Amino acid sequence: MLITAICPIAYLVMFVLQPEHMGVLLTDPLGQMLLAAAVIMELVGMARVAMLLKQEG
């Protein structure tokens, strides 16, 4: 599940390097919807990968 940590780590790095650009995701309503969609898709992807790995083992 290490690969699922890439997206949040990339967000944090970009937030540190360019907070004015990444801060829009937290303040703008469209940015908040996009951030929520990204989190949901990340969770669905993690669940799907876990299901696939469980079937193989």
PDB file of N, CA and C in Angstrom:
ATOM      1  N   MET A   1       0.810  -1.202   0.000  1.00  0.00           N
ATOM      2  CA  MET A   1       0.000   0.000   0.000  1.00  0.00           C
ATOM      3  C   MET A   1       0.853   1.266   0.000  1.00  0.00           C
ATOM      4  N   LEU A   2       2.131   1.075  -0.170  1.00  0.00           N
ATOM      5  CA  LEU A   2       3.034   2.222  -0.192  1.00  0.00           C
ATOM      6  C   LEU A   2       2.726   3.159  -1.349  1.00  0.00           C
ATOM      7  N   ILE A   3       2.308   2.604  -2.464  1.00  0.00           N
ATOM      8  CA  ILE A   3       2.046   3.434  -3.640  1.00  0.00           C
ATOM      9  C   ILE A   3       0.868   4.394  -3.407  1.00  0.00           C
ATOM     10  N   THR A   4      -0.038   4.053  -2.509  1.00  0.00           N
ATOM     11  CA  THR A   4      -1.172   4.941  -2.232  1.00  0.00           C
ATOM     12  C   THR A   4      -0.751   6.177  -1.449  1.00  0.00           C
ATOM     13  N   ALA A   5       0.436   6.172  -0.890  1.00  0.00           N
ATOM     14  CA  ALA A   5       0.916   7.332  -0.135  1.00  0.00           C
ATOM     15  C   ALA A   5       1.536   8.393  -1.038  1.00  0.00           C
ATOM     16  N   ILE A   6       1.747   8.065  -2.302  1.00  0.00           N
ATOM     17  CA  ILE A   6       2.399   9.008  -3.210  1.00  0.00           C
ATOM     18  C   ILE A   6       1.565  10.273  -3.396  1.00  0.00           C
ATOM     19  N   CYS A   7       0.261  10.123  -3.592  1.00  0.00           N
ATOM     20  CA  CYS A   7      -0.595  11.283  -3.853  1.00  0.00           C
ATOM     21  C   CYS A   7      -0.635  12.252  -2.655  1.00  0.00           C
ATOM     22  N   PRO A   8      -0.901  11.787  -1.427  1.00  0.00           N
ATOM     23  CA  PRO A   8      -0.880  12.729  -0.300  1.00  0.00           C
ATOM     24  C   PRO A   8       0.489  13.365  -0.061  1.00  0.00           C
ATOM     25  N   ILE A   9       1.546  12.604  -0.279  1.00  0.00           N
ATOM     26  CA  ILE A   9       2.893  13.157  -0.100  1.00  0.00           C
ATOM     27  C   ILE A   9       3.163  14.225  -1.157  1.00  0.00           C
ATOM     28  N   ALA A  10       2.750  13.953  -2.403  1.00  0.00           N
ATOM     29  CA  ALA A  10       2.926  14.947  -3.470  1.00  0.00           C
ATOM     30  C   ALA A  10       2.143  16.220  -3.157  1.00  0.00           C
ATOM     31  N   TYR A  11       0.936  16.071  -2.615  1.00  0.00           N
ATOM     32  CA  TYR A  11       0.149  17.249  -2.237  1.00  0.00           C
ATOM     33  C   TYR A  11       0.872  18.062  -1.164  1.00  0.00           C
ATOM     34  N   LEU A  12       1.386  17.395  -0.155  1.00  0.00           N
ATOM     35  CA  LEU A  12       2.084  18.110   0.917  1.00  0.00           C
ATOM     36  C   LEU A  12       3.333  18.825   0.399  1.00  0.00           C
ATOM     37  N   VAL A  13       4.073  18.168  -0.476  1.00  0.00           N
ATOM     38  CA  VAL A  13       5.266  18.799  -1.050  1.00  0.00           C
ATOM     39  C   VAL A  13       4.877  20.039  -1.848  1.00  0.00           C
ATOM     40  N   MET A  14       3.844  19.915  -2.675  1.00  0.00           N
ATOM     41  CA  MET A  14       3.395  21.062  -3.464  1.00  0.00           C
ATOM     42  C   MET A  14       2.834  22.159  -2.572  1.00  0.00           C
ATOM     43  N   PHE A  15       2.179  21.777  -1.466  1.00  0.00           N
ATOM     44  CA  PHE A  15       1.640  22.773  -0.536  1.00  0.00           C
ATOM     45  C   PHE A  15       2.769  23.568   0.117  1.00  0.00           C
ATOM     46  N   VAL A  16       3.875  22.900   0.400  1.00  0.00           N
ATOM     47  CA  VAL A  16       5.028  23.584   0.990  1.00  0.00           C
ATOM     48  C   VAL A  16       5.709  24.478  -0.050  1.00  0.00           C
ATOM     49  N   LEU A  17       5.841  23.973  -1.277  1.00  0.00           N
ATOM     50  CA  LEU A  17       6.546  24.722  -2.314  1.00  0.00           C
ATOM     51  C   LEU A  17       5.721  25.868  -2.893  1.00  0.00           C
ATOM     52  N   GLN A  18       4.414  25.655  -3.080  1.00  0.00           N
ATOM     53  CA  GLN A  18       3.545  26.674  -3.673  1.00  0.00           C
ATOM     54  C   GLN A  18       2.212  26.731  -2.926  1.00  0.00           C
ATOM     55  N   PRO A  19       2.216  27.263  -1.720  1.00  0.00           N
ATOM     56  CA  PRO A  19       0.980  27.254  -0.921  1.00  0.00           C
ATOM     57  C   PRO A  19      -0.152  28.068  -1.528  1.00  0.00           C
ATOM     58  N   GLU A  20       0.176  29.105  -2.313  1.00  0.00           N
ATOM     59  CA  GLU A  20      -0.893  29.922  -2.905  1.00  0.00           C
ATOM     60  C   GLU A  20      -1.676  29.141  -3.961  1.00  0.00           C
ATOM     61  N   HIS A  21      -1.031  28.215  -4.642  1.00  0.00           N
ATOM     62  CA  HIS A  21      -1.723  27.401  -5.640  1.00  0.00           C
ATOM     63  C   HIS A  21      -2.496  26.253  -4.986  1.00  0.00           C
ATOM     64  N   MET A  22      -1.873  25.584  -4.066  1.00  0.00           N
ATOM     65  CA  MET A  22      -2.504  24.420  -3.463  1.00  0.00           C
ATOM     66  C   MET A  22      -3.556  24.815  -2.422  1.00  0.00           C
ATOM     67  N   GLY A  23      -3.441  26.014  -1.864  1.00  0.00           N
ATOM     68  CA  GLY A  23      -4.417  26.477  -0.893  1.00  0.00           C
ATOM     69  C   GLY A  23      -5.799  26.665  -1.483  1.00  0.00           C
ATOM     70  N   VAL A  24      -5.877  26.817  -2.804  1.00  0.00           N
ATOM     71  CA  VAL A  24      -7.169  26.966  -3.475  1.00  0.00           C
ATOM     72  C   VAL A  24      -8.021  25.718  -3.263  1.00  0.00           C
ATOM     73  N   LEU A  25      -7.390  24.560  -3.165  1.00  0.00           N
ATOM     74  CA  LEU A  25      -8.147  23.335  -2.916  1.00  0.00           C
ATOM     75  C   LEU A  25      -8.856  23.371  -1.569  1.00  0.00           C
ATOM     76  N   LEU A  26      -8.336  24.138  -0.641  1.00  0.00           N
ATOM     77  CA  LEU A  26      -8.945  24.199   0.689  1.00  0.00           C
ATOM     78  C   LEU A  26      -9.937  25.338   0.836  1.00  0.00           C
ATOM     79  N   THR A  27      -9.820  26.386   0.018  1.00  0.00           N
ATOM     80  CA  THR A  27     -10.659  27.564   0.206  1.00  0.00           C
ATOM     81  C   THR A  27     -11.771  27.695  -0.825  1.00  0.00           C
ATOM     82  N   ASP A  28     -11.528  27.297  -2.054  1.00  0.00           N
ATOM     83  CA  ASP A  28     -12.519  27.428  -3.119  1.00  0.00           C
ATOM     84  C   ASP A  28     -13.495  26.247  -3.079  1.00  0.00           C
ATOM     85  N   PRO A  29     -14.792  26.478  -3.270  1.00  0.00           N
ATOM     86  CA  PRO A  29     -15.750  25.362  -3.245  1.00  0.00           C
ATOM     87  C   PRO A  29     -15.460  24.284  -4.300  1.00  0.00           C
ATOM     88  N   LEU A  30     -15.064  24.695  -5.500  1.00  0.00           N
ATOM     89  CA  LEU A  30     -14.715  23.706  -6.520  1.00  0.00           C
ATOM     90  C   LEU A  30     -13.480  22.914  -6.109  1.00  0.00           C
ATOM     91  N   GLY A  31     -12.504  23.588  -5.511  1.00  0.00           N
ATOM     92  CA  GLY A  31     -11.311  22.905  -5.030  1.00  0.00           C
ATOM     93  C   GLY A  31     -11.637  21.895  -3.950  1.00  0.00           C
ATOM     94  N   GLN A  32     -12.566  22.236  -3.064  1.00  0.00           N
ATOM     95  CA  GLN A  32     -12.972  21.320  -2.005  1.00  0.00           C
ATOM     96  C   GLN A  32     -13.661  20.087  -2.591  1.00  0.00           C
ATOM     97  N   MET A  33     -14.498  20.304  -3.622  1.00  0.00           N
ATOM     98  CA  MET A  33     -15.155  19.162  -4.276  1.00  0.00           C
ATOM     99  C   MET A  33     -14.130  18.271  -4.965  1.00  0.00           C
ATOM    100  N   LEU A  34     -13.145  18.881  -5.620  1.00  0.00           N
ATOM    101  CA  LEU A  34     -12.102  18.097  -6.282  1.00  0.00           C
ATOM    102  C   LEU A  34     -11.258  17.329  -5.280  1.00  0.00           C
ATOM    103  N   LEU A  35     -10.954  17.962  -4.166  1.00  0.00           N
ATOM    104  CA  LEU A  35     -10.175  17.292  -3.125  1.00  0.00           C
ATOM    105  C   LEU A  35     -10.963  16.125  -2.529  1.00  0.00           C
ATOM    106  N   ALA A  36     -12.262  16.326  -2.296  1.00  0.00           N
ATOM    107  CA  ALA A  36     -13.108  15.248  -1.778  1.00  0.00           C
ATOM    108  C   ALA A  36     -13.182  14.100  -2.784  1.00  0.00           C
ATOM    109  N   ALA A  37     -13.325  14.422  -4.060  1.00  0.00           N
ATOM    110  CA  ALA A  37     -13.364  13.382  -5.090  1.00  0.00           C
ATOM    111  C   ALA A  37     -12.052  12.610  -5.131  1.00  0.00           C
ATOM    112  N   ALA A  38     -10.939  13.303  -4.987  1.00  0.00           N
ATOM    113  CA  ALA A  38      -9.631  12.644  -4.998  1.00  0.00           C
ATOM    114  C   ALA A  38      -9.487  11.690  -3.812  1.00  0.00           C
ATOM    115  N   VAL A  39      -9.954  12.109  -2.647  1.00  0.00           N
ATOM    116  CA  VAL A  39      -9.874  11.257  -1.458  1.00  0.00           C
ATOM    117  C   VAL A  39     -10.748  10.018  -1.639  1.00  0.00           C
ATOM    118  N   ILE A  40     -11.959  10.213  -2.167  1.00  0.00           N
ATOM    119  CA  ILE A  40     -12.859   9.077  -2.381  1.00  0.00           C
ATOM    120  C   ILE A  40     -12.265   8.100  -3.386  1.00  0.00           C
ATOM    121  N   MET A  41     -11.726   8.616  -4.482  1.00  0.00           N
ATOM    122  CA  MET A  41     -11.125   7.731  -5.483  1.00  0.00           C
ATOM    123  C   MET A  41      -9.902   7.006  -4.931  1.00  0.00           C
ATOM    124  N   GLU A  42      -9.149   7.678  -4.088  1.00  0.00           N
ATOM    125  CA  GLU A  42      -7.981   7.041  -3.461  1.00  0.00           C
ATOM    126  C   GLU A  42      -8.433   5.873  -2.568  1.00  0.00           C
ATOM    127  N   LEU A  43      -9.488   6.096  -1.793  1.00  0.00           N
ATOM    128  CA  LEU A  43     -10.002   5.040  -0.914  1.00  0.00           C
ATOM    129  C   LEU A  43     -10.581   3.875  -1.710  1.00  0.00           C
ATOM    130  N   VAL A  44     -11.312   4.173  -2.780  1.00  0.00           N
ATOM    131  CA  VAL A  44     -11.859   3.113  -3.626  1.00  0.00           C
ATOM    132  C   VAL A  44     -10.719   2.322  -4.266  1.00  0.00           C
ATOM    133  N   GLY A  45      -9.701   3.001  -4.718  1.00  0.00           N
ATOM    134  CA  GLY A  45      -8.552   2.322  -5.309  1.00  0.00           C
ATOM    135  C   GLY A  45      -7.834   1.425  -4.311  1.00  0.00           C
ATOM    136  N   MET A  46      -7.676   1.923  -3.091  1.00  0.00           N
ATOM    137  CA  MET A  46      -7.034   1.100  -2.054  1.00  0.00           C
ATOM    138  C   MET A  46      -7.856  -0.146  -1.756  1.00  0.00           C
ATOM    139  N   ALA A  47      -9.178   0.009  -1.684  1.00  0.00           N
ATOM    140  CA  ALA A  47     -10.054  -1.138  -1.417  1.00  0.00           C
ATOM    141  C   ALA A  47      -9.984  -2.141  -2.563  1.00  0.00           C
ATOM    142  N   ARG A  48      -9.958  -1.638  -3.781  1.00  0.00           N
ATOM    143  CA  ARG A  48      -9.903  -2.529  -4.950  1.00  0.00           C
ATOM    144  C   ARG A  48      -8.581  -3.304  -4.988  1.00  0.00           C
ATOM    145  N   VAL A  49      -7.494  -2.634  -4.733  1.00  0.00           N
ATOM    146  CA  VAL A  49      -6.187  -3.302  -4.705  1.00  0.00           C
ATOM    147  C   VAL A  49      -6.160  -4.364  -3.599  1.00  0.00           C
ATOM    148  N   ALA A  50      -6.713  -4.024  -2.433  1.00  0.00           N
ATOM    149  CA  ALA A  50      -6.754  -4.989  -1.335  1.00  0.00           C
ATOM    150  C   ALA A  50      -7.580  -6.224  -1.717  1.00  0.00           C
ATOM    151  N   MET A  51      -8.704  -5.997  -2.406  1.00  0.00           N
ATOM    152  CA  MET A  51      -9.522  -7.140  -2.859  1.00  0.00           C
ATOM    153  C   MET A  51      -8.758  -8.009  -3.852  1.00  0.00           C
ATOM    154  N   LEU A  52      -8.065  -7.374  -4.785  1.00  0.00           N
ATOM    155  CA  LEU A  52      -7.308  -8.141  -5.783  1.00  0.00           C
ATOM    156  C   LEU A  52      -6.181  -8.930  -5.130  1.00  0.00           C
ATOM    157  N   LEU A  53      -5.505  -8.320  -4.176  1.00  0.00           N
ATOM    158  CA  LEU A  53      -4.416  -9.038  -3.499  1.00  0.00           C
ATOM    159  C   LEU A  53      -4.934 -10.182  -2.652  1.00  0.00           C
ATOM    160  N   LYS A  54      -6.098 -10.000  -2.057  1.00  0.00           N
ATOM    161  CA  LYS A  54      -6.687 -11.052  -1.230  1.00  0.00           C
ATOM    162  C   LYS A  54      -7.082 -12.246  -2.104  1.00  0.00           C
ATOM    163  N   GLN A  55      -7.564 -12.012  -3.318  1.00  0.00           N
ATOM    164  CA  GLN A  55      -7.960 -13.087  -4.216  1.00  0.00           C
ATOM    165  C   GLN A  55      -6.765 -13.914  -4.675  1.00  0.00           C
ATOM    166  N   GLU A  56      -5.625 -13.251  -4.873  1.00  0.00           N
ATOM    167  CA  GLU A  56      -4.430 -13.957  -5.350  1.00  0.00           C
ATOM    168  C   GLU A  56      -3.824 -14.838  -4.266  1.00  0.00           C
ATOM    169  N   GLY A  57      -3.920 -14.391  -3.033  1.00  0.00           N
ATOM    170  CA  GLY A  57      -3.251 -15.085  -1.939  1.00  0.00           C
ATOM    171  C   GLY A  57      -4.084 -16.105  -1.345  1.00  0.00           C
TER     172      GLY A  57
END
